[in-house]
C-alpha cells in the first residue's frame, strides 16, 4: 500500500523518525543513528483507514550505515484474518 506514514520507534517507544512511503510503497530513511528500532505504520493512520498491522519489523542500524529501505510491512483491513 502506498502513501503510508512510517515510524521508526526506539526501544523505549519514542518515535525516532517518520517518513511517508511513495505511491508504490517504496521508502528510504536516512540519517538514522545506530541502534535497535521497530519499523511500523503510524497507528493513527491505521485507525483512520480501518487497517491493522502485523508485528512490524525489528530493525538494527549498525555503525556502518544509516540508511533503511526494503523492509516490507504487513497491513490488512480490520476484521480480516
N, C-alpha and C. Protein backbone atom coordinates (compact mmCIF):
# COMPACT_ATOMS: atom_id res chain seq x y z
N UNK A 1 0.86 -1.18 0.00
CA UNK A 1 0.00 0.00 0.00
C UNK A 1 0.89 1.23 0.00
N UNK A 2 0.62 2.13 -0.85
CA UNK A 2 1.41 3.34 -0.92
C UNK A 2 0.87 4.45 -0.04
N UNK A 3 1.64 5.49 0.08
CA UNK A 3 1.25 6.70 0.81
C UNK A 3 0.95 6.45 2.28
N UNK A 4 1.72 5.58 2.91
CA UNK A 4 1.58 5.34 4.34
C UNK A 4 2.64 6.12 5.09
N UNK A 5 2.32 6.52 6.30
CA UNK A 5 3.27 7.22 7.16
C UNK A 5 3.94 6.16 8.04
N UNK A 6 5.24 6.00 7.86
CA UNK A 6 6.01 5.00 8.60
C UNK A 6 6.76 5.67 9.74
N UNK A 7 6.89 4.92 10.84
CA UNK A 7 7.61 5.43 12.00
C UNK A 7 8.69 4.44 12.40
N UNK A 8 9.83 4.97 12.77
CA UNK A 8 10.91 4.18 13.35
C UNK A 8 10.90 4.49 14.84
N UNK A 9 10.65 3.46 15.65
CA UNK A 9 10.45 3.63 17.09
C UNK A 9 11.60 2.98 17.83
N UNK A 10 12.15 3.70 18.82
CA UNK A 10 13.29 3.16 19.57
C UNK A 10 12.82 2.21 20.68
N UNK A 11 13.76 1.70 21.45
CA UNK A 11 13.48 0.68 22.47
C UNK A 11 12.55 1.15 23.58
N UNK A 12 12.46 2.45 23.81
CA UNK A 12 11.58 2.97 24.87
C UNK A 12 10.25 3.49 24.30
N UNK A 13 10.01 3.27 23.01
CA UNK A 13 8.75 3.66 22.40
C UNK A 13 8.70 5.05 21.82
N UNK A 14 9.84 5.74 21.80
CA UNK A 14 9.90 7.09 21.23
C UNK A 14 10.07 7.02 19.72
N UNK A 15 9.29 7.81 19.00
CA UNK A 15 9.41 7.86 17.54
C UNK A 15 10.69 8.60 17.19
N UNK A 16 11.63 7.88 16.57
CA UNK A 16 12.93 8.44 16.22
C UNK A 16 12.92 9.08 14.84
N UNK A 17 12.04 8.60 13.96
CA UNK A 17 11.96 9.14 12.60
C UNK A 17 10.60 8.80 12.02
N UNK A 18 10.12 9.67 11.14
CA UNK A 18 8.86 9.45 10.43
C UNK A 18 9.09 9.77 8.97
N UNK A 19 8.52 8.94 8.09
CA UNK A 19 8.63 9.18 6.65
C UNK A 19 7.40 8.63 5.96
N UNK A 20 7.04 9.23 4.85
CA UNK A 20 5.93 8.72 4.06
C UNK A 20 6.45 7.81 2.96
N UNK A 21 5.70 6.74 2.70
CA UNK A 21 6.07 5.88 1.57
C UNK A 21 5.51 6.49 0.29
N UNK A 22 6.13 6.15 -0.81
CA UNK A 22 5.67 6.63 -2.10
C UNK A 22 4.39 5.92 -2.52
N UNK A 23 3.84 6.32 -3.64
CA UNK A 23 2.62 5.71 -4.16
C UNK A 23 2.79 4.21 -4.38
N UNK A 24 4.01 3.79 -4.66
CA UNK A 24 4.29 2.37 -4.88
C UNK A 24 4.71 1.65 -3.60
N UNK A 25 4.69 2.34 -2.46
CA UNK A 25 5.06 1.73 -1.19
C UNK A 25 6.54 1.85 -0.85
N UNK A 26 7.34 2.39 -1.76
CA UNK A 26 8.79 2.49 -1.53
C UNK A 26 9.10 3.63 -0.56
N UNK A 27 10.09 3.40 0.27
CA UNK A 27 10.53 4.43 1.21
C UNK A 27 12.03 4.30 1.44
N UNK A 28 12.64 5.37 1.88
CA UNK A 28 14.04 5.37 2.29
C UNK A 28 14.14 6.28 3.51
N UNK A 29 14.73 5.77 4.56
CA UNK A 29 15.04 6.57 5.75
C UNK A 29 16.55 6.76 5.79
N UNK A 30 16.99 7.98 5.92
CA UNK A 30 18.42 8.26 6.00
C UNK A 30 18.73 9.02 7.28
N UNK A 31 19.98 9.01 7.66
CA UNK A 31 20.42 9.77 8.82
C UNK A 31 19.95 9.20 10.14
N UNK A 32 19.72 7.91 10.18
CA UNK A 32 19.26 7.25 11.40
C UNK A 32 20.47 6.88 12.25
N UNK A 33 20.42 7.20 13.52
CA UNK A 33 21.52 6.85 14.42
C UNK A 33 21.55 5.34 14.66
N UNK A 34 22.73 4.77 14.86
CA UNK A 34 22.83 3.34 15.16
C UNK A 34 21.99 2.98 16.39
N UNK A 35 21.40 1.79 16.34
CA UNK A 35 20.61 1.31 17.47
C UNK A 35 19.56 0.31 17.03
N UNK A 36 18.78 -0.15 18.00
CA UNK A 36 17.70 -1.11 17.75
C UNK A 36 16.38 -0.35 17.68
N UNK A 37 15.60 -0.66 16.66
CA UNK A 37 14.34 0.03 16.42
C UNK A 37 13.27 -0.96 15.99
N UNK A 38 12.05 -0.44 15.90
CA UNK A 38 10.94 -1.17 15.30
C UNK A 38 10.33 -0.25 14.25
N UNK A 39 10.16 -0.77 13.04
CA UNK A 39 9.53 -0.02 11.96
C UNK A 39 8.05 -0.37 11.95
N UNK A 40 7.20 0.65 11.94
CA UNK A 40 5.75 0.42 11.97
C UNK A 40 5.04 1.49 11.15
N UNK A 41 3.78 1.22 10.85
CA UNK A 41 2.91 2.22 10.24
C UNK A 41 2.32 3.04 11.38
N UNK A 42 2.20 4.34 11.18
CA UNK A 42 1.63 5.23 12.18
C UNK A 42 0.28 4.69 12.65
N UNK A 43 0.14 4.40 13.95
CA UNK A 43 -1.11 3.83 14.47
C UNK A 43 -2.34 4.71 14.21
N UNK A 44 -2.19 6.03 14.24
CA UNK A 44 -3.32 6.92 13.97
C UNK A 44 -3.80 6.77 12.53
N UNK A 45 -2.86 6.63 11.60
CA UNK A 45 -3.24 6.45 10.20
C UNK A 45 -3.91 5.10 10.00
N UNK A 46 -3.40 4.05 10.65
CA UNK A 46 -4.03 2.74 10.55
C UNK A 46 -5.49 2.81 11.01
N UNK A 47 -5.73 3.44 12.15
CA UNK A 47 -7.09 3.54 12.68
C UNK A 47 -8.00 4.32 11.73
N UNK A 48 -7.50 5.41 11.19
CA UNK A 48 -8.27 6.25 10.27
C UNK A 48 -8.66 5.48 9.00
N UNK A 49 -7.77 4.60 8.54
CA UNK A 49 -8.01 3.84 7.31
C UNK A 49 -8.71 2.51 7.57
N UNK A 50 -8.94 2.16 8.83
CA UNK A 50 -9.57 0.88 9.15
C UNK A 50 -8.67 -0.30 8.88
N UNK A 51 -7.37 -0.12 9.10
CA UNK A 51 -6.38 -1.16 8.87
C UNK A 51 -5.73 -1.58 10.18
N UNK A 52 -5.18 -2.78 10.18
CA UNK A 52 -4.35 -3.25 11.28
C UNK A 52 -3.03 -3.71 10.70
N UNK A 53 -2.01 -3.69 11.52
CA UNK A 53 -0.66 -4.06 11.09
C UNK A 53 -0.24 -5.36 11.74
N UNK A 54 0.62 -6.09 11.05
CA UNK A 54 1.25 -7.26 11.65
C UNK A 54 2.18 -6.80 12.76
N UNK A 55 3.20 -7.55 13.02
CA UNK A 55 4.10 -7.28 14.14
C UNK A 55 5.07 -6.12 13.90
N UNK A 56 5.11 -5.57 12.73
CA UNK A 56 6.13 -4.56 12.44
C UNK A 56 7.44 -5.26 12.14
N UNK A 57 8.48 -4.51 12.01
CA UNK A 57 9.80 -5.06 11.66
C UNK A 57 10.82 -4.61 12.68
N UNK A 58 11.51 -5.57 13.27
CA UNK A 58 12.65 -5.23 14.12
C UNK A 58 13.79 -4.82 13.20
N UNK A 59 14.44 -3.73 13.53
CA UNK A 59 15.50 -3.17 12.69
C UNK A 59 16.68 -2.81 13.57
N UNK A 60 17.87 -3.22 13.15
CA UNK A 60 19.09 -2.79 13.83
C UNK A 60 19.93 -2.00 12.85
N UNK A 61 20.23 -0.78 13.22
CA UNK A 61 21.09 0.07 12.40
C UNK A 61 22.48 0.01 13.03
N UNK A 62 23.43 -0.50 12.28
CA UNK A 62 24.80 -0.62 12.78
C UNK A 62 25.60 0.65 12.55
N UNK A 63 26.80 0.70 13.07
CA UNK A 63 27.63 1.89 12.94
C UNK A 63 28.10 2.14 11.50
N UNK A 64 28.00 1.13 10.64
CA UNK A 64 28.50 1.27 9.28
C UNK A 64 27.51 1.94 8.33
N UNK A 65 26.26 2.10 8.73
CA UNK A 65 25.32 2.70 7.80
C UNK A 65 24.09 3.24 8.48
N UNK A 66 23.50 4.27 7.88
CA UNK A 66 22.33 4.88 8.48
C UNK A 66 21.20 5.02 7.47
N UNK A 67 21.14 4.10 6.52
CA UNK A 67 20.08 4.11 5.51
C UNK A 67 19.22 2.87 5.70
N UNK A 68 17.91 3.06 5.65
CA UNK A 68 16.98 1.95 5.81
C UNK A 68 15.99 1.97 4.66
N UNK A 69 15.87 0.85 3.97
CA UNK A 69 14.84 0.68 2.94
C UNK A 69 14.63 -0.81 2.72
N UNK A 70 13.60 -1.14 1.96
CA UNK A 70 13.38 -2.53 1.57
C UNK A 70 12.81 -3.44 2.62
N UNK A 71 12.34 -2.91 3.74
CA UNK A 71 11.68 -3.74 4.75
C UNK A 71 10.18 -3.71 4.49
N UNK A 72 9.58 -4.87 4.26
CA UNK A 72 8.15 -4.93 4.00
C UNK A 72 7.37 -4.96 5.30
N UNK A 73 6.24 -4.29 5.30
CA UNK A 73 5.32 -4.30 6.43
C UNK A 73 3.99 -4.88 5.97
N UNK A 74 3.35 -5.63 6.85
CA UNK A 74 2.06 -6.24 6.52
C UNK A 74 0.93 -5.42 7.14
N UNK A 75 -0.02 -5.02 6.32
CA UNK A 75 -1.24 -4.38 6.81
C UNK A 75 -2.43 -5.07 6.15
N UNK A 76 -3.56 -5.07 6.85
CA UNK A 76 -4.79 -5.66 6.31
C UNK A 76 -5.98 -4.92 6.89
N UNK A 77 -7.12 -5.10 6.28
CA UNK A 77 -8.34 -4.46 6.79
C UNK A 77 -8.67 -5.04 8.16
N UNK A 78 -9.12 -4.20 9.06
CA UNK A 78 -9.51 -4.65 10.39
C UNK A 78 -10.63 -5.68 10.25
N UNK A 79 -10.53 -6.76 11.01
CA UNK A 79 -11.54 -7.81 10.98
C UNK A 79 -11.22 -8.94 10.03
N UNK A 80 -10.20 -8.78 9.18
CA UNK A 80 -9.78 -9.86 8.28
C UNK A 80 -8.70 -10.67 8.96
N UNK A 81 -8.72 -11.98 8.76
CA UNK A 81 -7.75 -12.85 9.40
C UNK A 81 -6.51 -12.96 8.66
